[in-house]
Amino acid sequence: MADAGGGPSFLARLILVLLGVAFLGAAWVWHRKDSDPKAARLVERVSGGRVHGGAASP
């Protein structure tokens, strides 16, 4: 059973931290897409080509 006042488990905290790091990384790549062609290609590949503008556009 869960601890009475222990808060979330270690696994729940680990998942939240990993989600936060992934979100910050995605936000950083999205921010860099206009000036970095590699980031623009990554954003375009992940989004399925739905990104308009940026360094990847001809």
PDB file of N, CA and C in Angstrom:
ATOM      1  N   MET A   1       0.839  -1.183   0.000  1.00  0.00           N
ATOM      2  CA  MET A   1       0.000   0.000   0.000  1.00  0.00           C
ATOM      3  C   MET A   1       0.883   1.245   0.000  1.00  0.00           C
ATOM      4  N   ALA A   2       0.292   2.339  -0.381  1.00  0.00           N
ATOM      5  CA  ALA A   2       1.033   3.597  -0.436  1.00  0.00           C
ATOM      6  C   ALA A   2       1.310   4.111   0.968  1.00  0.00           C
ATOM      7  N   ASP A   3       2.402   4.839   1.068  1.00  0.00           N
ATOM      8  CA  ASP A   3       2.721   5.461   2.352  1.00  0.00           C
ATOM      9  C   ASP A   3       1.660   6.500   2.682  1.00  0.00           C
ATOM     10  N   ALA A   4       1.439   6.712   3.969  1.00  0.00           N
ATOM     11  CA  ALA A   4       0.383   7.640   4.396  1.00  0.00           C
ATOM     12  C   ALA A   4       0.671   9.077   3.943  1.00  0.00           C
ATOM     13  N   GLY A   5       1.884   9.562   4.126  1.00  0.00           N
ATOM     14  CA  GLY A   5       2.191  10.939   3.749  1.00  0.00           C
ATOM     15  C   GLY A   5       3.433  11.034   2.895  1.00  0.00           C
ATOM     16  N   GLY A   6       3.778   9.962   2.237  1.00  0.00           N
ATOM     17  CA  GLY A   6       5.025   9.917   1.497  1.00  0.00           C
ATOM     18  C   GLY A   6       4.997  10.600   0.149  1.00  0.00           C
ATOM     19  N   GLY A   7       3.849  10.953  -0.359  1.00  0.00           N
ATOM     20  CA  GLY A   7       3.775  11.566  -1.680  1.00  0.00           C
ATOM     21  C   GLY A   7       3.868  10.521  -2.771  1.00  0.00           C
ATOM     22  N   PRO A   8       4.160  10.962  -3.981  1.00  0.00           N
ATOM     23  CA  PRO A   8       4.226  10.022  -5.100  1.00  0.00           C
ATOM     24  C   PRO A   8       5.423   9.077  -4.981  1.00  0.00           C
ATOM     25  N   SER A   9       5.295   7.935  -5.593  1.00  0.00           N
ATOM     26  CA  SER A   9       6.362   6.942  -5.528  1.00  0.00           C
ATOM     27  C   SER A   9       7.574   7.393  -6.343  1.00  0.00           C
ATOM     28  N   PHE A  10       8.656   6.677  -6.170  1.00  0.00           N
ATOM     29  CA  PHE A  10       9.881   6.989  -6.907  1.00  0.00           C
ATOM     30  C   PHE A  10       9.651   6.873  -8.402  1.00  0.00           C
ATOM     31  N   LEU A  11       8.944   5.838  -8.830  1.00  0.00           N
ATOM     32  CA  LEU A  11       8.683   5.640 -10.253  1.00  0.00           C
ATOM     33  C   LEU A  11       7.852   6.782 -10.833  1.00  0.00           C
ATOM     34  N   ALA A  12       6.845   7.242 -10.093  1.00  0.00           N
ATOM     35  CA  ALA A  12       6.016   8.353 -10.561  1.00  0.00           C
ATOM     36  C   ALA A  12       6.854   9.631 -10.682  1.00  0.00           C
ATOM     37  N   ARG A  13       7.717   9.883  -9.709  1.00  0.00           N
ATOM     38  CA  ARG A  13       8.579  11.062  -9.782  1.00  0.00           C
ATOM     39  C   ARG A  13       9.551  10.967 -10.945  1.00  0.00           C
ATOM     40  N   LEU A  14      10.096   9.774 -11.179  1.00  0.00           N
ATOM     41  CA  LEU A  14      11.028   9.575 -12.285  1.00  0.00           C
ATOM     42  C   LEU A  14      10.333   9.831 -13.620  1.00  0.00           C
ATOM     43  N   ILE A  15       9.123   9.325 -13.780  1.00  0.00           N
ATOM     44  CA  ILE A  15       8.379   9.541 -15.015  1.00  0.00           C
ATOM     45  C   ILE A  15       8.095  11.023 -15.216  1.00  0.00           C
ATOM     46  N   LEU A  16       7.717  11.728 -14.166  1.00  0.00           N
ATOM     47  CA  LEU A  16       7.448  13.163 -14.280  1.00  0.00           C
ATOM     48  C   LEU A  16       8.705  13.942 -14.657  1.00  0.00           C
ATOM     49  N   VAL A  17       9.831  13.580 -14.078  1.00  0.00           N
ATOM     50  CA  VAL A  17      11.090  14.254 -14.416  1.00  0.00           C
ATOM     51  C   VAL A  17      11.459  13.984 -15.871  1.00  0.00           C
ATOM     52  N   LEU A  18      11.324  12.738 -16.326  1.00  0.00           N
ATOM     53  CA  LEU A  18      11.655  12.416 -17.710  1.00  0.00           C
ATOM     54  C   LEU A  18      10.724  13.132 -18.687  1.00  0.00           C
ATOM     55  N   LEU A  19       9.444  13.222 -18.356  1.00  0.00           N
ATOM     56  CA  LEU A  19       8.513  13.970 -19.205  1.00  0.00           C
ATOM     57  C   LEU A  19       8.885  15.448 -19.255  1.00  0.00           C
ATOM     58  N   GLY A  20       9.287  16.005 -18.122  1.00  0.00           N
ATOM     59  CA  GLY A  20       9.696  17.403 -18.087  1.00  0.00           C
ATOM     60  C   GLY A  20      10.932  17.655 -18.920  1.00  0.00           C
ATOM     61  N   VAL A  21      11.910  16.767 -18.833  1.00  0.00           N
ATOM     62  CA  VAL A  21      13.131  16.914 -19.627  1.00  0.00           C
ATOM     63  C   VAL A  21      12.811  16.790 -21.118  1.00  0.00           C
ATOM     64  N   ALA A  22      11.944  15.843 -21.467  1.00  0.00           N
ATOM     65  CA  ALA A  22      11.562  15.680 -22.872  1.00  0.00           C
ATOM     66  C   ALA A  22      10.828  16.918 -23.383  1.00  0.00           C
ATOM     67  N   PHE A  23       9.953  17.484 -22.559  1.00  0.00           N
ATOM     68  CA  PHE A  23       9.228  18.688 -22.963  1.00  0.00           C
ATOM     69  C   PHE A  23      10.187  19.862 -23.161  1.00  0.00           C
ATOM     70  N   LEU A  24      11.125  20.042 -22.239  1.00  0.00           N
ATOM     71  CA  LEU A  24      12.086  21.137 -22.375  1.00  0.00           C
ATOM     72  C   LEU A  24      12.977  20.943 -23.596  1.00  0.00           C
ATOM     73  N   GLY A  25      13.372  19.714 -23.872  1.00  0.00           N
ATOM     74  CA  GLY A  25      14.169  19.439 -25.060  1.00  0.00           C
ATOM     75  C   GLY A  25      13.404  19.730 -26.336  1.00  0.00           C
ATOM     76  N   ALA A  26      12.131  19.339 -26.380  1.00  0.00           N
ATOM     77  CA  ALA A  26      11.309  19.617 -27.558  1.00  0.00           C
ATOM     78  C   ALA A  26      11.107  21.114 -27.741  1.00  0.00           C
ATOM     79  N   ALA A  27      10.914  21.833 -26.648  1.00  0.00           N
ATOM     80  CA  ALA A  27      10.741  23.283 -26.736  1.00  0.00           C
ATOM     81  C   ALA A  27      12.022  23.946 -27.233  1.00  0.00           C
ATOM     82  N   TRP A  28      13.179  23.457 -26.793  1.00  0.00           N
ATOM     83  CA  TRP A  28      14.453  24.023 -27.229  1.00  0.00           C
ATOM     84  C   TRP A  28      14.664  23.784 -28.723  1.00  0.00           C
ATOM     85  N   VAL A  29      14.355  22.566 -29.203  1.00  0.00           N
ATOM     86  CA  VAL A  29      14.502  22.268 -30.628  1.00  0.00           C
ATOM     87  C   VAL A  29      13.536  23.108 -31.443  1.00  0.00           C
ATOM     88  N   TRP A  30      12.301  23.267 -30.956  1.00  0.00           N
ATOM     89  CA  TRP A  30      11.320  24.092 -31.662  1.00  0.00           C
ATOM     90  C   TRP A  30      11.803  25.541 -31.763  1.00  0.00           C
ATOM     91  N   HIS A  31      12.415  26.016 -30.690  1.00  0.00           N
ATOM     92  CA  HIS A  31      12.952  27.380 -30.681  1.00  0.00           C
ATOM     93  C   HIS A  31      14.095  27.535 -31.679  1.00  0.00           C
ATOM     94  N   ARG A  32      14.908  26.517 -31.857  1.00  0.00           N
ATOM     95  CA  ARG A  32      16.083  26.561 -32.722  1.00  0.00           C
ATOM     96  C   ARG A  32      15.769  26.266 -34.185  1.00  0.00           C
ATOM     97  N   LYS A  33      14.534  25.880 -34.509  1.00  0.00           N
ATOM     98  CA  LYS A  33      14.237  25.425 -35.865  1.00  0.00           C
ATOM     99  C   LYS A  33      14.419  26.500 -36.923  1.00  0.00           C
ATOM    100  N   ASP A  34      14.311  27.771 -36.563  1.00  0.00           N
ATOM    101  CA  ASP A  34      14.467  28.839 -37.547  1.00  0.00           C
ATOM    102  C   ASP A  34      15.926  29.122 -37.890  1.00  0.00           C
ATOM    103  N   SER A  35      16.836  28.810 -36.994  1.00  0.00           N
ATOM    104  CA  SER A  35      18.241  29.129 -37.237  1.00  0.00           C
ATOM    105  C   SER A  35      19.127  27.906 -37.445  1.00  0.00           C
ATOM    106  N   ASP A  36      18.639  26.723 -37.142  1.00  0.00           N
ATOM    107  CA  ASP A  36      19.445  25.515 -37.255  1.00  0.00           C
ATOM    108  C   ASP A  36      18.766  24.538 -38.225  1.00  0.00           C
ATOM    109  N   PRO A  37      19.380  24.271 -39.382  1.00  0.00           N
ATOM    110  CA  PRO A  37      18.755  23.370 -40.350  1.00  0.00           C
ATOM    111  C   PRO A  37      18.516  21.956 -39.811  1.00  0.00           C
ATOM    112  N   LYS A  38      19.421  21.476 -38.952  1.00  0.00           N
ATOM    113  CA  LYS A  38      19.225  20.137 -38.380  1.00  0.00           C
ATOM    114  C   LYS A  38      17.986  20.097 -37.497  1.00  0.00           C
ATOM    115  N   ALA A  39      17.804  21.132 -36.688  1.00  0.00           N
ATOM    116  CA  ALA A  39      16.618  21.193 -35.833  1.00  0.00           C
ATOM    117  C   ALA A  39      15.360  21.325 -36.674  1.00  0.00           C
ATOM    118  N   ALA A  40      15.435  22.093 -37.763  1.00  0.00           N
ATOM    119  CA  ALA A  40      14.277  22.257 -38.644  1.00  0.00           C
ATOM    120  C   ALA A  40      13.887  20.932 -39.285  1.00  0.00           C
ATOM    121  N   ARG A  41      14.894  20.166 -39.724  1.00  0.00           N
ATOM    122  CA  ARG A  41      14.591  18.850 -40.308  1.00  0.00           C
ATOM    123  C   ARG A  41      13.993  17.917 -39.274  1.00  0.00           C
ATOM    124  N   LEU A  42      14.505  17.967 -38.050  1.00  0.00           N
ATOM    125  CA  LEU A  42      13.978  17.115 -36.994  1.00  0.00           C
ATOM    126  C   LEU A  42      12.519  17.462 -36.688  1.00  0.00           C
ATOM    127  N   VAL A  43      12.229  18.753 -36.569  1.00  0.00           N
ATOM    128  CA  VAL A  43      10.856  19.185 -36.290  1.00  0.00           C
ATOM    129  C   VAL A  43       9.946  18.785 -37.443  1.00  0.00           C
ATOM    130  N   GLU A  44      10.416  18.953 -38.673  1.00  0.00           N
ATOM    131  CA  GLU A  44       9.595  18.596 -39.832  1.00  0.00           C
ATOM    132  C   GLU A  44       9.339  17.095 -39.878  1.00  0.00           C
ATOM    133  N   ARG A  45      10.366  16.296 -39.563  1.00  0.00           N
ATOM    134  CA  ARG A  45      10.202  14.842 -39.603  1.00  0.00           C
ATOM    135  C   ARG A  45       9.249  14.369 -38.518  1.00  0.00           C
ATOM    136  N   VAL A  46       9.370  14.914 -37.329  1.00  0.00           N
ATOM    137  CA  VAL A  46       8.527  14.481 -36.215  1.00  0.00           C
ATOM    138  C   VAL A  46       7.088  14.937 -36.405  1.00  0.00           C
ATOM    139  N   SER A  47       6.907  16.140 -36.959  1.00  0.00           N
ATOM    140  CA  SER A  47       5.553  16.671 -37.118  1.00  0.00           C
ATOM    141  C   SER A  47       4.868  16.149 -38.370  1.00  0.00           C
ATOM    142  N   GLY A  48       5.551  15.381 -39.175  1.00  0.00           N
ATOM    143  CA  GLY A  48       4.945  14.842 -40.384  1.00  0.00           C
ATOM    144  C   GLY A  48       4.846  15.852 -41.509  1.00  0.00           C
ATOM    145  N   GLY A  49       5.704  16.875 -41.495  1.00  0.00           N
ATOM    146  CA  GLY A  49       5.715  17.876 -42.543  1.00  0.00           C
ATOM    147  C   GLY A  49       4.676  18.952 -42.391  1.00  0.00           C
ATOM    148  N   ARG A  50       4.099  19.108 -41.223  1.00  0.00           N
ATOM    149  CA  ARG A  50       3.050  20.111 -41.008  1.00  0.00           C
ATOM    150  C   ARG A  50       3.593  21.453 -40.549  1.00  0.00           C
ATOM    151  N   VAL A  51       4.912  21.638 -40.508  1.00  0.00           N
ATOM    152  CA  VAL A  51       5.509  22.880 -40.047  1.00  0.00           C
ATOM    153  C   VAL A  51       5.701  23.804 -41.234  1.00  0.00           C
ATOM    154  N   HIS A  52       5.248  25.036 -41.127  1.00  0.00           N
ATOM    155  CA  HIS A  52       5.383  26.026 -42.185  1.00  0.00           C
ATOM    156  C   HIS A  52       6.415  27.060 -41.745  1.00  0.00           C
ATOM    157  N   GLY A  53       7.310  27.409 -42.634  1.00  0.00           N
ATOM    158  CA  GLY A  53       8.347  28.381 -42.312  1.00  0.00           C
ATOM    159  C   GLY A  53       9.544  27.693 -41.703  1.00  0.00           C
ATOM    160  N   GLY A  54      10.577  28.479 -41.416  1.00  0.00           N
ATOM    161  CA  GLY A  54      11.770  27.925 -40.798  1.00  0.00           C
ATOM    162  C   GLY A  54      12.825  27.589 -41.830  1.00  0.00           C
ATOM    163  N   ALA A  55      13.948  27.070 -41.368  1.00  0.00           N
ATOM    164  CA  ALA A  55      15.102  26.822 -42.222  1.00  0.00           C
ATOM    165  C   ALA A  55      14.882  25.649 -43.184  1.00  0.00           C
ATOM    166  N   ALA A  56      13.933  24.760 -42.904  1.00  0.00           N
ATOM    167  CA  ALA A  56      13.736  23.590 -43.751  1.00  0.00           C
ATOM    168  C   ALA A  56      12.893  23.917 -44.982  1.00  0.00           C
ATOM    169  N   SER A  57      12.274  25.092 -45.014  1.00  0.00           N
ATOM    170  CA  SER A  57      11.427  25.452 -46.151  1.00  0.00           C
ATOM    171  C   SER A  57      12.291  25.905 -47.320  1.00  0.00           C
ATOM    172  N   PRO A  58      11.894  25.531 -48.522  1.00  0.00           N
ATOM    173  CA  PRO A  58      12.654  25.966 -49.700  1.00  0.00           C
ATOM    174  C   PRO A  58      12.420  27.427 -49.993  1.00  0.00           C
TER     175      PRO A  58
END
